[in-house]
Amino acid sequence: MTETTSPWRGAVPIETPRLVLRELRRGDAPRIARYVGDIGVARMLAVVPLPYNEKDAETFVAAMGAINADGRGLGLAVAEKGAPDLLIGVMSFIGALPVVEIGWWLGRPYWGRGFATEAARALIAVAFREPRLDRIVAGAFFDNPASLHVQDKLGFARTGESQRHSLARRAFVRHIDTEIVRPASA
């Protein structure tokens, strides 16, 4: 993309029945470090090293801010409506149109409560507001059935398998690749 501003910037914050997806802030770094530093979270992400500390989180927040500003995607904090300043996870998409890749993580205390599905559904709807976007790709490591279940619920189709390097695992791991195409009504 060659724009200097994001085509999605005006969509933030995004509200769902239970959640607020908002810009990441430097003050989110301690919670990011705590949640992403959990091996149960980190091992399901490709680009997260272990150990993961607050400086890593600050670098991540700055990188997401740059991506949001220059239009390469949208990286947002996920928070409950009743506590919008307390990050519970991150939801993002990044790429070069006509394709972006969506990804997310939630802190372990927030697993199994439908938050990932709710937040991803809202972010996908915002992404497809961009008329040049044809499809969103995603996926998960083979041993992350929860993420694959969320993708199934959202309508992602499995397109194959690949190998992705996991920094936390220090190894290549089998990855299930998925995608969702622009709905006819979007």
C-alpha atoms as a PDB file:
ATOM      1  CA  MET A   1       0.000   0.000   0.000  1.00  0.00           C
ATOM      2  CA  THR A   2       1.288   3.448  -0.773  1.00  0.00           C
ATOM      3  CA  GLU A   3      -1.060   5.579   1.333  1.00  0.00           C
ATOM      4  CA  THR A   4       0.419   7.540   4.193  1.00  0.00           C
ATOM      5  CA  THR A   5      -2.686   7.111   6.335  1.00  0.00           C
ATOM      6  CA  SER A   6      -4.655   4.001   7.124  1.00  0.00           C
ATOM      7  CA  PRO A   7      -7.920   3.376   5.299  1.00  0.00           C
ATOM      8  CA  TRP A   8      -9.135   1.768   8.547  1.00  0.00           C
ATOM      9  CA  ARG A   9      -8.060   4.454  11.005  1.00  0.00           C
ATOM     10  CA  GLY A  10     -11.506   6.055  11.325  1.00  0.00           C
ATOM     11  CA  ALA A  11     -13.002   2.737  12.440  1.00  0.00           C
ATOM     12  CA  VAL A  12     -11.205   2.762  15.811  1.00  0.00           C
ATOM     13  CA  PRO A  13     -12.324   2.210  18.492  1.00  0.00           C
ATOM     14  CA  ILE A  14     -14.442  -0.793  17.533  1.00  0.00           C
ATOM     15  CA  GLU A  15     -17.139  -1.821  19.997  1.00  0.00           C
ATOM     16  CA  THR A  16     -18.845  -5.178  20.298  1.00  0.00           C
ATOM     17  CA  PRO A  17     -21.433  -6.243  22.881  1.00  0.00           C
ATOM     18  CA  ARG A  18     -18.713  -7.057  25.457  1.00  0.00           C
ATOM     19  CA  LEU A  19     -15.471  -5.634  24.098  1.00  0.00           C
ATOM     20  CA  VAL A  20     -13.650  -2.525  22.943  1.00  0.00           C
ATOM     21  CA  LEU A  21     -10.884  -2.806  20.345  1.00  0.00           C
ATOM     22  CA  ARG A  22      -8.774   0.318  20.703  1.00  0.00           C
ATOM     23  CA  GLU A  23      -5.355   1.690  19.793  1.00  0.00           C
ATOM     24  CA  LEU A  24      -2.490   0.126  21.702  1.00  0.00           C
ATOM     25  CA  ARG A  25      -0.816   2.406  24.250  1.00  0.00           C
ATOM     26  CA  ARG A  26       2.617   2.373  25.830  1.00  0.00           C
ATOM     27  CA  GLY A  27       0.857   1.747  29.155  1.00  0.00           C
ATOM     28  CA  ASP A  28      -0.326  -1.629  27.772  1.00  0.00           C
ATOM     29  CA  ALA A  29       3.245  -2.958  27.756  1.00  0.00           C
ATOM     30  CA  PRO A  30       3.222  -4.499  31.268  1.00  0.00           C
ATOM     31  CA  ARG A  31       0.072  -6.533  30.561  1.00  0.00           C
ATOM     32  CA  ILE A  32       1.341  -7.530  27.114  1.00  0.00           C
ATOM     33  CA  ALA A  33       4.609  -8.703  28.648  1.00  0.00           C
ATOM     34  CA  ARG A  34       2.788 -10.677  31.347  1.00  0.00           C
ATOM     35  CA  TYR A  35       0.342 -12.395  28.996  1.00  0.00           C
ATOM     36  CA  VAL A  36       2.668 -12.990  26.045  1.00  0.00           C
ATOM     37  CA  GLY A  37       5.430 -14.077  28.408  1.00  0.00           C
ATOM     38  CA  ASP A  38       3.199 -17.034  29.365  1.00  0.00           C
ATOM     39  CA  ILE A  39       4.544 -20.054  27.504  1.00  0.00           C
ATOM     40  CA  GLY A  40       0.990 -21.210  26.803  1.00  0.00           C
ATOM     41  CA  VAL A  41       0.389 -18.042  24.797  1.00  0.00           C
ATOM     42  CA  ALA A  42       3.871 -17.569  23.326  1.00  0.00           C
ATOM     43  CA  ARG A  43       4.165 -21.078  21.907  1.00  0.00           C
ATOM     44  CA  MET A  44       1.074 -20.515  19.749  1.00  0.00           C
ATOM     45  CA  LEU A  45       2.556 -17.386  18.145  1.00  0.00           C
ATOM     46  CA  ALA A  46       5.191 -17.379  15.428  1.00  0.00           C
ATOM     47  CA  VAL A  47       7.145 -14.218  16.143  1.00  0.00           C
ATOM     48  CA  VAL A  48       7.256 -14.112  19.946  1.00  0.00           C
ATOM     49  CA  PRO A  49      10.542 -14.962  21.638  1.00  0.00           C
ATOM     50  CA  LEU A  50      10.816 -16.377  25.134  1.00  0.00           C
ATOM     51  CA  PRO A  51      11.572 -14.902  27.509  1.00  0.00           C
ATOM     52  CA  TYR A  52       9.385 -11.931  26.577  1.00  0.00           C
ATOM     53  CA  ASN A  53       9.762  -8.777  28.619  1.00  0.00           C
ATOM     54  CA  GLU A  54       8.362  -5.284  28.936  1.00  0.00           C
ATOM     55  CA  LYS A  55      10.921  -3.808  26.534  1.00  0.00           C
ATOM     56  CA  ASP A  56       9.797  -6.355  23.912  1.00  0.00           C
ATOM     57  CA  ALA A  57       6.210  -5.269  24.561  1.00  0.00           C
ATOM     58  CA  GLU A  58       7.089  -1.579  24.194  1.00  0.00           C
ATOM     59  CA  THR A  59       8.769  -2.335  20.857  1.00  0.00           C
ATOM     60  CA  PHE A  60       5.661  -4.243  19.768  1.00  0.00           C
ATOM     61  CA  VAL A  61       3.334  -1.360  20.731  1.00  0.00           C
ATOM     62  CA  ALA A  62       5.485   1.087  18.729  1.00  0.00           C
ATOM     63  CA  ALA A  63       5.542  -1.248  15.708  1.00  0.00           C
ATOM     64  CA  MET A  64       1.760  -1.643  15.775  1.00  0.00           C
ATOM     65  CA  GLY A  65       1.385   2.140  16.003  1.00  0.00           C
ATOM     66  CA  ALA A  66       3.521   2.548  12.889  1.00  0.00           C
ATOM     67  CA  ILE A  67       1.528  -0.108  11.010  1.00  0.00           C
ATOM     68  CA  ASN A  68      -1.748   1.570  11.989  1.00  0.00           C
ATOM     69  CA  ALA A  69      -0.477   4.974  10.898  1.00  0.00           C
ATOM     70  CA  ASP A  70       0.934   3.998   7.515  1.00  0.00           C
ATOM     71  CA  GLY A  71      -1.986   1.830   6.407  1.00  0.00           C
ATOM     72  CA  ARG A  72      -0.279  -1.578   6.324  1.00  0.00           C
ATOM     73  CA  GLY A  73      -2.902  -2.892   8.709  1.00  0.00           C
ATOM     74  CA  LEU A  74      -4.553  -2.449  12.038  1.00  0.00           C
ATOM     75  CA  GLY A  75      -3.236  -3.670  15.388  1.00  0.00           C
ATOM     76  CA  LEU A  76      -5.515  -3.133  18.359  1.00  0.00           C
ATOM     77  CA  ALA A  77      -5.769  -3.827  22.056  1.00  0.00           C
ATOM     78  CA  VAL A  78      -8.733  -5.955  23.104  1.00  0.00           C
ATOM     79  CA  ALA A  79     -10.367  -4.875  26.380  1.00  0.00           C
ATOM     80  CA  GLU A  80     -13.627  -5.593  28.138  1.00  0.00           C
ATOM     81  CA  LYS A  81     -16.136  -2.728  27.946  1.00  0.00           C
ATOM     82  CA  GLY A  82     -16.269  -2.424  31.721  1.00  0.00           C
ATOM     83  CA  ALA A  83     -12.486  -1.961  31.907  1.00  0.00           C
ATOM     84  CA  PRO A  84     -11.354  -0.442  28.588  1.00  0.00           C
ATOM     85  CA  ASP A  85      -7.923   0.490  29.924  1.00  0.00           C
ATOM     86  CA  LEU A  86      -7.072  -3.123  30.853  1.00  0.00           C
ATOM     87  CA  LEU A  87      -5.811  -4.977  27.792  1.00  0.00           C
ATOM     88  CA  ILE A  88      -6.807  -8.660  27.661  1.00  0.00           C
ATOM     89  CA  GLY A  89      -5.263  -9.396  24.262  1.00  0.00           C
ATOM     90  CA  VAL A  90      -4.364  -8.101  20.826  1.00  0.00           C
ATOM     91  CA  MET A  91      -6.128  -8.465  17.486  1.00  0.00           C
ATOM     92  CA  SER A  92      -4.491  -7.389  14.228  1.00  0.00           C
ATOM     93  CA  PHE A  93      -4.338  -7.709  10.501  1.00  0.00           C
ATOM     94  CA  ILE A  94      -1.357  -6.789   8.354  1.00  0.00           C
ATOM     95  CA  GLY A  95      -0.558  -7.151   4.694  1.00  0.00           C
ATOM     96  CA  ALA A  96      -0.477  -5.751   1.207  1.00  0.00           C
ATOM     97  CA  LEU A  97      -3.828  -5.369  -0.494  1.00  0.00           C
ATOM     98  CA  PRO A  98      -5.653  -7.284  -1.816  1.00  0.00           C
ATOM     99  CA  VAL A  99      -4.724  -9.742   1.001  1.00  0.00           C
ATOM    100  CA  VAL A 100      -4.108  -9.259   4.709  1.00  0.00           C
ATOM    101  CA  GLU A 101      -3.298 -11.765   7.441  1.00  0.00           C
ATOM    102  CA  ILE A 102      -5.248 -11.667  10.692  1.00  0.00           C
ATOM    103  CA  GLY A 103      -3.839 -12.820  13.990  1.00  0.00           C
ATOM    104  CA  TRP A 104      -4.624 -12.559  17.672  1.00  0.00           C
ATOM    105  CA  TRP A 105      -3.867 -13.669  21.164  1.00  0.00           C
ATOM    106  CA  LEU A 106      -5.634 -13.392  24.498  1.00  0.00           C
ATOM    107  CA  GLY A 107      -4.191 -13.662  27.977  1.00  0.00           C
ATOM    108  CA  ARG A 108      -4.835 -17.073  29.519  1.00  0.00           C
ATOM    109  CA  PRO A 109      -7.470 -15.785  32.028  1.00  0.00           C
ATOM    110  CA  TYR A 110      -9.643 -14.789  29.054  1.00  0.00           C
ATOM    111  CA  TRP A 111      -9.556 -18.064  27.118  1.00  0.00           C
ATOM    112  CA  GLY A 112     -12.718 -20.032  26.484  1.00  0.00           C
ATOM    113  CA  ARG A 113     -15.122 -17.115  26.922  1.00  0.00           C
ATOM    114  CA  GLY A 114     -15.838 -16.321  23.261  1.00  0.00           C
ATOM    115  CA  PHE A 115     -13.794 -13.121  23.270  1.00  0.00           C
ATOM    116  CA  ALA A 116     -11.566 -14.140  20.347  1.00  0.00           C
ATOM    117  CA  THR A 117     -14.565 -14.932  18.141  1.00  0.00           C
ATOM    118  CA  GLU A 118     -16.328 -11.703  19.076  1.00  0.00           C
ATOM    119  CA  ALA A 119     -13.281  -9.517  18.509  1.00  0.00           C
ATOM    120  CA  ALA A 120     -12.195 -11.241  15.292  1.00  0.00           C
ATOM    121  CA  ARG A 121     -15.705 -11.018  13.830  1.00  0.00           C
ATOM    122  CA  ALA A 122     -15.708  -7.259  14.441  1.00  0.00           C
ATOM    123  CA  LEU A 123     -12.207  -6.764  13.041  1.00  0.00           C
ATOM    124  CA  ILE A 124     -13.022  -8.778   9.915  1.00  0.00           C
ATOM    125  CA  ALA A 125     -16.090  -6.613   9.289  1.00  0.00           C
ATOM    126  CA  VAL A 126     -13.926  -3.484   9.561  1.00  0.00           C
ATOM    127  CA  ALA A 127     -11.224  -4.947   7.306  1.00  0.00           C
ATOM    128  CA  PHE A 128     -13.719  -5.686   4.547  1.00  0.00           C
ATOM    129  CA  ARG A 129     -14.809  -2.035   4.523  1.00  0.00           C
ATOM    130  CA  GLU A 130     -11.711  -1.544   2.370  1.00  0.00           C
ATOM    131  CA  PRO A 131     -13.024  -2.277  -1.159  1.00  0.00           C
ATOM    132  CA  ARG A 132      -9.597  -3.406  -2.420  1.00  0.00           C
ATOM    133  CA  LEU A 133      -9.416  -6.207   0.144  1.00  0.00           C
ATOM    134  CA  ASP A 134     -10.275  -9.558  -1.481  1.00  0.00           C
ATOM    135  CA  ARG A 135      -9.400 -12.043   1.267  1.00  0.00           C
ATOM    136  CA  ILE A 136      -8.060 -12.462   4.737  1.00  0.00           C
ATOM    137  CA  VAL A 137      -5.655 -15.280   5.471  1.00  0.00           C
ATOM    138  CA  ALA A 138      -5.041 -16.822   8.869  1.00  0.00           C
ATOM    139  CA  GLY A 139      -4.208 -20.157  10.384  1.00  0.00           C
ATOM    140  CA  ALA A 140      -2.813 -21.723  13.500  1.00  0.00           C
ATOM    141  CA  PHE A 141      -0.240 -24.215  14.590  1.00  0.00           C
ATOM    142  CA  PHE A 142      -1.589 -27.772  14.356  1.00  0.00           C
ATOM    143  CA  ASP A 143      -1.720 -28.071  18.151  1.00  0.00           C
ATOM    144  CA  ASN A 144      -3.897 -24.980  18.644  1.00  0.00           C
ATOM    145  CA  PRO A 145      -7.423 -26.379  18.198  1.00  0.00           C
ATOM    146  CA  ALA A 146      -8.997 -23.419  20.015  1.00  0.00           C
ATOM    147  CA  SER A 147      -7.767 -20.937  17.402  1.00  0.00           C
ATOM    148  CA  LEU A 148      -8.773 -23.237  14.556  1.00  0.00           C
ATOM    149  CA  HIS A 149     -12.238 -23.576  16.135  1.00  0.00           C
ATOM    150  CA  VAL A 150     -12.592 -19.774  16.216  1.00  0.00           C
ATOM    151  CA  GLN A 151     -11.612 -19.622  12.552  1.00  0.00           C
ATOM    152  CA  ASP A 152     -14.158 -22.323  11.696  1.00  0.00           C
ATOM    153  CA  LYS A 153     -16.904 -20.353  13.483  1.00  0.00           C
ATOM    154  CA  LEU A 154     -15.954 -17.227  11.533  1.00  0.00           C
ATOM    155  CA  GLY A 155     -16.197 -18.997   8.173  1.00  0.00           C
ATOM    156  CA  PHE A 156     -12.507 -19.459   7.364  1.00  0.00           C
ATOM    157  CA  ALA A 157     -11.826 -22.341   4.975  1.00  0.00           C
ATOM    158  CA  ARG A 158      -8.745 -24.513   5.317  1.00  0.00           C
ATOM    159  CA  THR A 159      -6.471 -24.087   2.326  1.00  0.00           C
ATOM    160  CA  GLY A 160      -3.525 -26.298   3.192  1.00  0.00           C
ATOM    161  CA  GLU A 161      -0.582 -26.698   5.499  1.00  0.00           C
ATOM    162  CA  SER A 162       2.797 -25.038   5.772  1.00  0.00           C
ATOM    163  CA  GLN A 163       5.726 -24.885   8.132  1.00  0.00           C
ATOM    164  CA  ARG A 164       6.180 -21.736  10.197  1.00  0.00           C
ATOM    165  CA  HIS A 165       8.999 -20.970  12.529  1.00  0.00           C
ATOM    166  CA  SER A 166       8.038 -20.404  16.162  1.00  0.00           C
ATOM    167  CA  LEU A 167      10.559 -18.272  18.028  1.00  0.00           C
ATOM    168  CA  ALA A 168       9.214 -19.454  21.389  1.00  0.00           C
ATOM    169  CA  ARG A 169       9.582 -23.115  20.407  1.00  0.00           C
ATOM    170  CA  ARG A 170      12.805 -22.505  18.493  1.00  0.00           C
ATOM    171  CA  ALA A 171      11.571 -24.817  15.761  1.00  0.00           C
ATOM    172  CA  PHE A 172       9.519 -25.052  12.606  1.00  0.00           C
ATOM    173  CA  VAL A 173       5.987 -26.182  13.404  1.00  0.00           C
ATOM    174  CA  ARG A 174       3.208 -27.531  11.189  1.00  0.00           C
ATOM    175  CA  HIS A 175       0.740 -24.727  10.463  1.00  0.00           C
ATOM    176  CA  ILE A 176      -2.847 -25.119   9.236  1.00  0.00           C
ATOM    177  CA  ASP A 177      -3.512 -22.361   6.670  1.00  0.00           C
ATOM    178  CA  THR A 178      -6.973 -20.794   6.308  1.00  0.00           C
ATOM    179  CA  GLU A 179      -8.673 -17.933   4.492  1.00  0.00           C
ATOM    180  CA  ILE A 180     -11.938 -16.093   4.217  1.00  0.00           C
ATOM    181  CA  VAL A 181     -12.908 -14.282   1.024  1.00  0.00           C
ATOM    182  CA  ARG A 182     -14.840 -11.067   0.716  1.00  0.00           C
ATOM    183  CA  PRO A 183     -18.543 -11.768   1.188  1.00  0.00           C
ATOM    184  CA  ALA A 184     -20.675 -10.991  -1.855  1.00  0.00           C
ATOM    185  CA  SER A 185     -22.545  -8.388   0.206  1.00  0.00           C
ATOM    186  CA  ALA A 186     -19.410  -6.526   1.344  1.00  0.00           C
END
